[in-house]
């Protein structure tokens, strides 16, 4: 594992210059005396409001030993929290805190009943629905909420609900399948995940994407074709054809612990030493990132707020990127490299100059990659466009929409970079 880490550090050293997480906000967790936090979760919405729920353990001075469960909301630019909901009766619990757009959602479980709440902008609570059984997971699309739960009948059933405008408009019974996670791609397609199976459910049929996966730990799909899964051995796989085939990423990546993908091509993984790695080319290469902290940071999750803002949650602290537009710094680094092209290997480009199509010979070094990322930069190192191809000896790109001038083509993987200059002349 040390060899792999050294390999990544050497191959991606320039990224360390800008990929740093800095402390954003401390979030108090121990709200009450004589209690101990046994579970908590934090979410941030599009308004940058912060919501936290905690199961605070038993009250020492309560003769019944009731547990306190609370939902609180950060008051903007302050450390104090405004209490939204407090439950002090045994049997109550709060879980599945989520956010969608500007609202927060969570579920309260009480003696076999589950209630799904929405926390409005004015901090009022809206009860969406309630039902008996145990909620497993839920997710959102622009129009609907999809929820899976298991009934408490003598022979339990696992059901999938679709809610629109707070009304149940669809209910499916899941046969011989007990998922523990749902990922909604759109109003028509859901991905359900169990410990060993990935299933696609649409309004017309159900199909198995993959089954008999050993020790399935986590899955991420952001579209109908491209997805990733992580098993408990720390091995990360990617599919480009909705599960018909899988490719292992980062060979011997037994240190991969958690994955968080923002899109088809970009995401993070956390290793067993709490190092954080970022990819923006479908996992073909990864950049190591650093966290500015004097304490040992244990990463709980990564929250994608919008295109430019991402938060990292560790214990009761939030971190954010020190550079909100890392591509700017990346381009500066690339520009430095372009001033010393002897550090990289060149590509065969023709015709050069060109006025429409540019043909590029792809080195054999990239034959083991499913997706080749070709980056096009202008003369001052600003990225103009990225192209994605499956591996082949030659590819052609259309540059007819770019103005006349000097440009650079770059293809890189962890250990090698190929860069060449070409001219557009019309």
Protein backbone atom coordinates (compact mmCIF):
# COMPACT_ATOMS: atom_id res chain seq x y z
CA UNK A 1 0.00 0.00 0.00
CA UNK A 2 2.87 2.38 0.76
CA UNK A 3 4.20 1.85 -2.76
CA UNK A 4 0.82 2.79 -4.20
CA UNK A 5 0.61 5.94 -2.10
CA UNK A 6 4.15 6.98 -3.08
CA UNK A 7 3.29 6.29 -6.70
CA UNK A 8 0.25 8.55 -6.49
CA UNK A 9 2.14 11.27 -4.68
CA UNK A 10 4.96 11.35 -7.22
CA UNK A 11 2.72 11.11 -10.27
CA UNK A 12 0.33 13.81 -9.07
CA UNK A 13 2.62 16.11 -7.08
CA UNK A 14 1.49 19.36 -8.81
CA UNK A 15 -2.08 18.86 -7.59
CA UNK A 16 -0.92 19.16 -3.99
CA UNK A 17 -0.31 22.84 -4.60
CA UNK A 18 -4.01 23.67 -4.80
CA UNK A 19 -6.06 20.71 -3.60
CA UNK A 20 -6.28 21.62 0.06
CA UNK A 21 -9.27 21.57 2.39
CA UNK A 22 -9.45 24.31 5.02
CA UNK A 23 -11.58 24.54 8.15
CA UNK A 24 -14.99 26.12 7.56
CA UNK A 25 -17.08 25.78 10.72
CA UNK A 26 -17.24 23.97 14.06
CA UNK A 27 -20.62 22.45 14.87
CA UNK A 28 -21.51 21.83 18.54
CA UNK A 29 -22.90 18.37 19.18
CA UNK A 30 -23.24 18.13 22.98
CA UNK A 31 -26.33 20.31 23.38
CA UNK A 32 -27.32 19.09 26.83
CA UNK A 33 -25.49 18.28 30.02
CA UNK A 34 -25.36 14.71 31.33
CA UNK A 35 -25.79 13.22 27.87
CA UNK A 36 -23.47 11.52 25.44
CA UNK A 37 -23.79 11.64 21.68
CA UNK A 38 -24.26 8.16 20.27
CA UNK A 39 -25.10 9.15 16.70
CA UNK A 40 -25.28 12.34 14.67
CA UNK A 41 -25.44 13.53 11.08
CA UNK A 42 -25.05 16.87 9.34
CA UNK A 43 -26.40 18.21 6.04
CA UNK A 44 -26.00 21.54 4.23
CA UNK A 45 -28.66 22.88 1.85
CA UNK A 46 -28.44 25.15 -1.17
CA UNK A 47 -28.86 28.23 1.04
CA UNK A 48 -25.79 27.10 3.04
CA UNK A 49 -27.97 26.50 6.09
CA UNK A 50 -26.66 23.67 8.25
CA UNK A 51 -28.90 21.10 9.91
CA UNK A 52 -27.77 18.51 12.44
CA UNK A 53 -29.58 15.69 14.17
CA UNK A 54 -28.29 13.84 17.21
CA UNK A 55 -29.31 10.91 19.32
CA UNK A 56 -27.83 12.17 22.55
CA UNK A 57 -28.15 9.10 24.73
CA UNK A 58 -30.01 8.71 28.00
CA UNK A 59 -30.71 11.50 30.43
CA UNK A 60 -28.92 10.66 33.68
CA UNK A 61 -31.42 12.58 35.81
CA UNK A 62 -34.47 11.07 34.11
CA UNK A 63 -35.84 8.15 36.22
CA UNK A 64 -37.26 6.57 33.07
CA UNK A 65 -33.92 6.80 31.32
CA UNK A 66 -35.48 8.48 28.31
CA UNK A 67 -33.29 9.20 25.33
CA UNK A 68 -33.01 12.70 23.90
CA UNK A 69 -33.22 12.98 20.11
CA UNK A 70 -32.87 16.44 18.61
CA UNK A 71 -32.88 18.21 15.27
CA UNK A 72 -31.17 21.59 15.26
CA UNK A 73 -30.32 24.21 12.68
CA UNK A 74 -27.27 26.44 12.57
CA UNK A 75 -28.06 30.12 12.88
CA UNK A 76 -26.23 31.84 10.04
CA UNK A 77 -22.72 33.06 10.95
CA UNK A 78 -23.13 31.91 14.56
CA UNK A 79 -22.15 28.85 16.51
CA UNK A 80 -25.44 28.52 18.36
CA UNK A 81 -28.13 26.24 17.05
CA UNK A 82 -31.85 26.77 16.93
CA UNK A 83 -33.76 23.75 18.21
CA UNK A 84 -36.29 22.44 15.67
CA UNK A 85 -37.42 19.20 17.26
CA UNK A 86 -36.69 17.50 20.57
CA UNK A 87 -37.93 14.03 21.48
CA UNK A 88 -37.47 12.70 25.01
CA UNK A 89 -39.61 9.57 25.04
CA UNK A 90 -38.18 6.07 24.87
CA UNK A 91 -38.67 4.40 21.51
CA UNK A 92 -38.16 7.61 19.54
CA UNK A 93 -35.29 7.98 17.14
CA UNK A 94 -34.35 10.32 14.31
CA UNK A 95 -32.47 9.17 11.25
CA UNK A 96 -31.94 9.58 7.51
CA UNK A 97 -31.25 13.32 7.51
CA UNK A 98 -31.11 14.44 3.87
CA UNK A 99 -31.29 17.65 1.88
CA UNK A 100 -32.78 18.52 -1.47
CA UNK A 101 -32.64 22.03 -2.87
CA UNK A 102 -33.33 24.42 0.01
CA UNK A 103 -35.19 21.97 2.29
CA UNK A 104 -34.09 19.38 4.85
CA UNK A 105 -35.80 16.02 5.33
CA UNK A 106 -35.60 13.43 8.08
CA UNK A 107 -37.55 10.52 9.52
CA UNK A 108 -38.80 10.06 13.07
CA UNK A 109 -39.40 6.49 14.20
CA UNK A 110 -41.68 5.86 17.17
CA UNK A 111 -42.86 2.40 18.25
CA UNK A 112 -43.10 0.89 14.79
CA UNK A 113 -44.34 4.03 13.03
CA UNK A 114 -42.23 6.15 10.69
CA UNK A 115 -42.95 9.80 9.87
CA UNK A 116 -41.22 11.64 7.04
CA UNK A 117 -40.78 15.35 7.81
CA UNK A 118 -39.71 18.29 5.69
CA UNK A 119 -38.06 21.24 7.43
CA UNK A 120 -39.25 24.40 5.67
CA UNK A 121 -37.23 27.59 5.16
CA UNK A 122 -39.05 29.23 8.07
CA UNK A 123 -38.00 26.29 10.34
CA UNK A 124 -41.53 24.92 10.52
CA UNK A 125 -41.99 21.16 10.24
CA UNK A 126 -44.25 19.66 7.59
CA UNK A 127 -45.38 16.05 7.96
CA UNK A 128 -45.22 14.46 4.50
CA UNK A 129 -46.42 10.93 5.28
CA UNK A 130 -46.42 8.23 7.94
CA UNK A 131 -46.58 4.45 7.82
CA UNK A 132 -45.86 1.37 9.88
CA UNK A 133 -42.64 -0.58 9.35
CA UNK A 134 -39.01 0.44 9.01
CA UNK A 135 -37.76 2.96 6.48
CA UNK A 136 -34.67 1.70 4.69
CA UNK A 137 -33.75 4.68 2.51
CA UNK A 138 -35.20 7.42 0.30
CA UNK A 139 -34.01 9.69 -2.50
CA UNK A 140 -35.16 12.61 -4.63
CA UNK A 141 -35.77 13.68 -8.19
CA UNK A 142 -36.99 17.09 -9.32
CA UNK A 143 -40.60 15.93 -9.11
CA UNK A 144 -40.78 13.01 -6.68
CA UNK A 145 -39.54 11.34 -3.51
CA UNK A 146 -38.83 7.60 -3.76
CA UNK A 147 -38.87 5.67 -0.51
CA UNK A 148 -38.23 2.00 0.33
CA UNK A 149 -39.34 0.41 3.59
CA UNK A 150 -40.05 -2.98 5.10
CA UNK A 151 -43.40 -3.83 6.67
CA UNK A 152 -43.77 -5.47 10.08
CA UNK A 153 -46.15 -8.18 8.93
CA UNK A 154 -45.68 -11.85 9.79
CA UNK A 155 -44.06 -12.21 6.38
CA UNK A 156 -42.40 -8.82 5.87
CA UNK A 157 -42.63 -7.11 2.49
CA UNK A 158 -40.24 -4.58 1.02
CA UNK A 159 -42.12 -1.79 -0.74
CA UNK A 160 -41.13 1.06 -3.03
CA UNK A 161 -43.24 4.23 -2.82
CA UNK A 162 -43.27 7.23 -5.11
CA UNK A 163 -44.53 10.46 -3.54
CA UNK A 164 -45.41 13.55 -5.53
CA UNK A 165 -46.82 16.70 -3.94
CA UNK A 166 -46.87 14.79 -0.64
CA UNK A 167 -49.19 12.10 -2.04
CA UNK A 168 -48.39 8.46 -2.74
CA UNK A 169 -48.91 7.94 -6.46
CA UNK A 170 -47.20 4.58 -6.90
CA UNK A 171 -46.42 1.51 -4.81
CA UNK A 172 -44.37 -1.50 -5.90
CA UNK A 173 -43.68 -4.70 -3.98
CA UNK A 174 -40.08 -5.84 -4.35
CA UNK A 175 -40.03 -9.62 -4.83
CA UNK A 176 -37.16 -11.67 -3.37
CA UNK A 177 -34.98 -8.62 -2.96
CA UNK A 178 -34.14 -6.61 0.18
CA UNK A 179 -32.28 -3.42 -0.78
CA UNK A 180 -30.51 -1.19 1.71
CA UNK A 181 -30.01 1.84 -0.54
CA UNK A 182 -31.86 3.65 -3.33
CA UNK A 183 -30.45 5.94 -6.01
CA UNK A 184 -33.02 7.79 -8.14
CA UNK A 185 -31.73 8.77 -11.57
CA UNK A 186 -34.99 10.36 -12.70
CA UNK A 187 -38.75 9.97 -12.27
CA UNK A 188 -38.67 6.75 -14.31
CA UNK A 189 -35.53 4.90 -13.19
CA UNK A 190 -34.31 3.88 -9.74
CA UNK A 191 -31.22 1.90 -8.78
CA UNK A 192 -31.64 -0.35 -5.73
CA UNK A 193 -28.65 -1.86 -3.93
CA UNK A 194 -28.38 -4.78 -1.52
CA UNK A 195 -25.31 -6.51 -0.07
CA UNK A 196 -24.72 -8.48 -3.25
CA UNK A 197 -27.01 -7.19 -5.98
CA UNK A 198 -27.64 -4.03 -8.03
CA UNK A 199 -31.11 -3.77 -9.58
CA UNK A 200 -32.63 -1.25 -11.99
CA UNK A 201 -36.34 -0.55 -11.55
CA UNK A 202 -38.33 1.46 -14.07
CA UNK A 203 -42.05 2.08 -14.40
CA UNK A 204 -42.27 -0.75 -16.93
CA UNK A 205 -39.87 -3.45 -15.75
CA UNK A 206 -37.20 -4.61 -13.32
CA UNK A 207 -33.77 -5.76 -14.47
CA UNK A 208 -30.68 -6.94 -12.63
CA UNK A 209 -27.64 -4.80 -13.37
CA UNK A 210 -25.32 -7.17 -11.53
CA UNK A 211 -25.72 -9.86 -8.90
CA UNK A 212 -23.57 -12.12 -6.75
CA UNK A 213 -21.12 -9.30 -6.06
CA UNK A 214 -19.01 -10.32 -3.10
CA UNK A 215 -19.36 -8.00 -0.10
CA UNK A 216 -20.90 -5.04 -1.91
CA UNK A 217 -20.25 -1.95 0.20
CA UNK A 218 -21.34 1.11 -1.79
CA UNK A 219 -22.67 2.03 -5.23
CA UNK A 220 -22.89 5.31 -7.14
CA UNK A 221 -24.83 5.91 -10.36
CA UNK A 222 -25.36 9.40 -11.75
CA UNK A 223 -26.68 8.34 -15.16
CA UNK A 224 -28.12 5.28 -16.87
CA UNK A 225 -24.78 4.11 -18.26
CA UNK A 226 -21.92 5.01 -15.94
CA UNK A 227 -21.62 3.80 -12.35
CA UNK A 228 -19.18 2.68 -9.67
CA UNK A 229 -19.22 0.13 -6.89
CA UNK A 230 -16.96 -0.50 -3.92
CA UNK A 231 -16.68 -3.86 -2.16
CA UNK A 232 -15.57 -4.52 1.41
CA UNK A 233 -12.13 -5.56 0.15
CA UNK A 234 -11.55 -1.93 -0.86
CA UNK A 235 -11.75 -2.63 -4.58
CA UNK A 236 -13.36 0.03 -6.75
CA UNK A 237 -15.01 -0.87 -10.07
CA UNK A 238 -16.56 1.17 -12.89
CA UNK A 239 -19.09 0.33 -15.58
CA UNK A 240 -19.68 2.31 -18.76
CA UNK A 241 -22.53 0.12 -20.05
CA UNK A 242 -24.92 -0.09 -17.09
CA UNK A 243 -23.35 -3.18 -15.53
CA UNK A 244 -22.75 -5.37 -18.58
CA UNK A 245 -19.04 -5.15 -17.81
CA UNK A 246 -16.96 -3.78 -14.95
CA UNK A 247 -13.36 -2.54 -14.86
CA UNK A 248 -11.31 -2.43 -11.68
CA UNK A 249 -9.92 1.04 -11.01
CA UNK A 250 -6.62 1.61 -9.20
CA UNK A 251 -5.29 -1.95 -9.36
CA UNK A 252 -4.59 -3.33 -5.89
CA UNK A 253 -6.62 -0.50 -4.36
CA UNK A 254 -7.29 -2.47 -1.19
CA UNK A 255 -7.08 0.75 0.84
CA UNK A 256 -10.26 2.31 -0.61
CA UNK A 257 -12.82 2.79 2.20
CA UNK A 258 -15.50 5.25 1.00
CA UNK A 259 -16.62 6.71 -2.33
CA UNK A 260 -18.45 9.96 -3.08
CA UNK A 261 -19.22 10.76 -6.72
CA UNK A 262 -20.56 14.12 -7.84
CA UNK A 263 -21.07 13.22 -11.51
CA UNK A 264 -20.28 10.49 -14.02
CA UNK A 265 -16.68 11.62 -14.30
CA UNK A 266 -15.77 13.33 -11.00
CA UNK A 267 -15.68 12.10 -7.42
CA UNK A 268 -13.62 11.19 -4.38
CA UNK A 269 -12.45 8.14 -2.53
CA UNK A 270 -11.13 7.92 1.02
CA UNK A 271 -8.44 5.40 1.93
CA UNK A 272 -7.95 3.52 5.20
CA UNK A 273 -5.56 6.25 6.43
CA UNK A 274 -8.17 8.98 5.81
CA UNK A 275 -6.33 10.37 2.81
CA UNK A 276 -8.62 11.87 0.21
CA UNK A 277 -8.27 11.44 -3.57
CA UNK A 278 -10.09 13.22 -6.38
CA UNK A 279 -10.76 12.25 -9.99
CA UNK A 280 -12.34 14.19 -12.83
CA UNK A 281 -11.70 11.69 -15.64
CA UNK A 282 -13.85 8.66 -14.69
CA UNK A 283 -11.32 7.28 -12.22
CA UNK A 284 -8.55 6.90 -14.80
CA UNK A 285 -6.28 9.03 -12.61
CA UNK A 286 -6.52 10.44 -9.07
CA UNK A 287 -5.08 13.48 -7.28
CA UNK A 288 -4.27 13.31 -3.58
CA UNK A 289 -5.64 16.22 -1.53
CA UNK A 290 -4.64 17.54 1.89
CA UNK A 291 -6.65 18.72 4.90
CA UNK A 292 -5.50 21.68 6.93
CA UNK A 293 -5.95 20.59 10.53
CA UNK A 294 -3.89 20.13 13.69
CA UNK A 295 -6.04 17.15 14.70
CA UNK A 296 -6.40 13.70 13.25
CA UNK A 297 -9.23 14.10 10.73
CA UNK A 298 -11.62 11.17 10.36
CA UNK A 299 -13.73 11.79 7.27
CA UNK A 300 -17.41 10.93 7.68
CA UNK A 301 -18.76 12.11 4.33
CA UNK A 302 -18.47 14.64 1.51
CA UNK A 303 -21.38 16.97 0.73
CA UNK A 304 -21.81 18.37 -2.79
CA UNK A 305 -23.66 21.65 -2.41
CA UNK A 306 -23.44 22.99 -5.97
CA UNK A 307 -21.02 23.16 -8.89
CA UNK A 308 -18.49 25.26 -6.99
CA UNK A 309 -18.98 24.33 -3.32
CA UNK A 310 -18.14 21.03 -1.66
CA UNK A 311 -17.94 20.31 2.08
CA UNK A 312 -16.09 17.60 3.94
CA UNK A 313 -17.54 16.49 7.28
CA UNK A 314 -15.23 15.24 10.03
CA UNK A 315 -16.59 14.65 13.52
CA UNK A 316 -18.25 17.99 14.27
CA UNK A 317 -16.25 20.12 11.83
CA UNK A 318 -16.89 21.14 8.23
CA UNK A 319 -14.04 21.74 5.79
CA UNK A 320 -14.25 23.37 2.38
CA UNK A 321 -11.89 23.69 -0.57
CA UNK A 322 -9.34 26.48 -0.22
CA UNK A 323 -9.76 27.17 -3.92
CA UNK A 324 -13.36 27.37 -5.13
CA UNK A 325 -12.20 27.11 -8.75
CA UNK A 326 -9.29 24.67 -8.71
CA UNK A 327 -9.06 24.59 -12.52
CA UNK A 328 -7.61 28.10 -12.41
CA UNK A 329 -4.66 26.93 -10.35
CA UNK A 330 -4.42 23.73 -12.35
CA UNK A 331 -4.08 25.77 -15.52
CA UNK A 332 -1.29 27.83 -13.96
CA UNK A 333 0.55 24.60 -13.24
CA UNK A 334 -0.08 23.37 -16.77
CA UNK A 335 1.14 26.66 -18.18
CA UNK A 336 4.40 26.20 -16.27
CA UNK A 337 4.78 22.76 -17.76
CA UNK A 338 4.18 24.12 -21.25
CA UNK A 339 7.12 26.46 -20.81
CA UNK A 340 9.26 23.36 -20.30
CA UNK A 341 7.85 20.79 -22.70
CA UNK A 342 10.97 18.65 -22.42
CA UNK A 343 9.47 17.27 -19.18
CA UNK A 344 6.72 15.48 -21.16
CA UNK A 345 6.56 13.17 -24.14
CA UNK A 346 5.08 14.46 -27.40
CA UNK A 347 2.14 13.25 -29.46
CA UNK A 348 1.83 12.75 -33.19
CA UNK A 349 -0.65 15.35 -34.49
CA UNK A 350 -1.68 16.00 -38.08
CA UNK A 351 -2.41 18.07 -40.05
CA UNK A 352 -0.56 20.81 -38.19
CA UNK A 353 -1.54 23.61 -38.76
CA UNK A 354 -5.19 22.63 -39.13
CA UNK A 355 -8.44 24.47 -39.79
CA UNK A 356 -11.00 21.79 -38.91
CA UNK A 357 -10.03 18.25 -37.89
CA UNK A 358 -6.99 17.34 -35.79
CA UNK A 359 -5.88 13.69 -35.83
CA UNK A 360 -4.11 12.39 -32.71
CA UNK A 361 -2.15 9.18 -32.33
CA UNK A 362 -2.92 7.63 -28.94
CA UNK A 363 0.13 5.99 -27.29
CA UNK A 364 -0.04 2.29 -26.49
CA UNK A 365 0.52 3.19 -22.83
CA UNK A 366 -3.19 4.06 -22.68
CA UNK A 367 -4.48 0.78 -24.12
CA UNK A 368 -5.47 -0.49 -20.64
CA UNK A 369 -7.88 2.43 -20.09
CA UNK A 370 -11.52 2.25 -21.10
CA UNK A 371 -11.84 6.01 -21.44
CA UNK A 372 -9.13 8.32 -22.79
CA UNK A 373 -9.38 11.97 -21.71
CA UNK A 374 -7.87 14.50 -24.14
CA UNK A 375 -7.54 18.06 -22.83
CA UNK A 376 -7.27 21.10 -25.11
CA UNK A 377 -5.59 24.26 -23.75
CA UNK A 378 -4.95 27.67 -25.23
CA UNK A 379 -1.55 29.39 -25.26
CA UNK A 380 -1.88 30.73 -21.70
CA UNK A 381 -2.85 27.40 -20.15
CA UNK A 382 -6.62 27.88 -19.95
CA UNK A 383 -8.57 24.70 -20.60
CA UNK A 384 -10.87 25.04 -23.60
CA UNK A 385 -12.45 21.61 -23.86
CA UNK A 386 -12.14 17.98 -22.81
CA UNK A 387 -12.82 15.05 -25.14
CA UNK A 388 -13.55 11.48 -24.05
CA UNK A 389 -12.86 8.45 -26.25
CA UNK A 390 -12.62 4.72 -25.90
CA UNK A 391 -9.10 3.55 -26.67
CA UNK A 392 -8.08 3.39 -30.34
CA UNK A 393 -4.85 4.05 -32.21
CA UNK A 394 -6.04 7.32 -33.73
CA UNK A 395 -8.81 9.74 -32.82
CA UNK A 396 -10.01 12.93 -34.50
CA UNK A 397 -11.34 16.05 -32.83
CA UNK A 398 -13.13 18.98 -34.45
CA UNK A 399 -11.42 22.29 -33.64
CA UNK A 400 -13.17 24.40 -36.28
CA UNK A 401 -15.06 26.43 -33.64
CA UNK A 402 -11.85 27.72 -32.00
CA UNK A 403 -10.19 30.95 -33.16
CA UNK A 404 -6.79 31.03 -34.84
CA UNK A 405 -3.84 30.63 -32.53
CA UNK A 406 -1.46 28.26 -30.73
CA UNK A 407 -2.98 25.42 -28.70
CA UNK A 408 -1.85 22.40 -26.73
CA UNK A 409 -3.19 18.86 -26.54
CA UNK A 410 -2.57 16.85 -23.38
CA UNK A 411 -3.21 13.20 -22.50
CA UNK A 412 -2.08 11.94 -19.11
CA UNK A 413 -2.35 9.09 -16.64
CA UNK A 414 -0.79 8.60 -13.23
CA UNK A 415 2.78 8.01 -14.38
CA UNK A 416 2.99 9.66 -17.81
CA UNK A 417 1.97 12.83 -19.60
CA UNK A 418 1.93 13.45 -23.34
CA UNK A 419 1.71 17.04 -24.58
CA UNK A 420 2.03 18.56 -28.04
CA UNK A 421 1.53 21.97 -29.60
CA UNK A 422 -0.53 22.63 -32.68
CA UNK A 423 -1.78 25.66 -34.62
CA UNK A 424 -5.26 26.55 -35.82
CA UNK A 425 -5.07 28.62 -38.99
CA UNK A 426 -8.14 29.33 -41.14
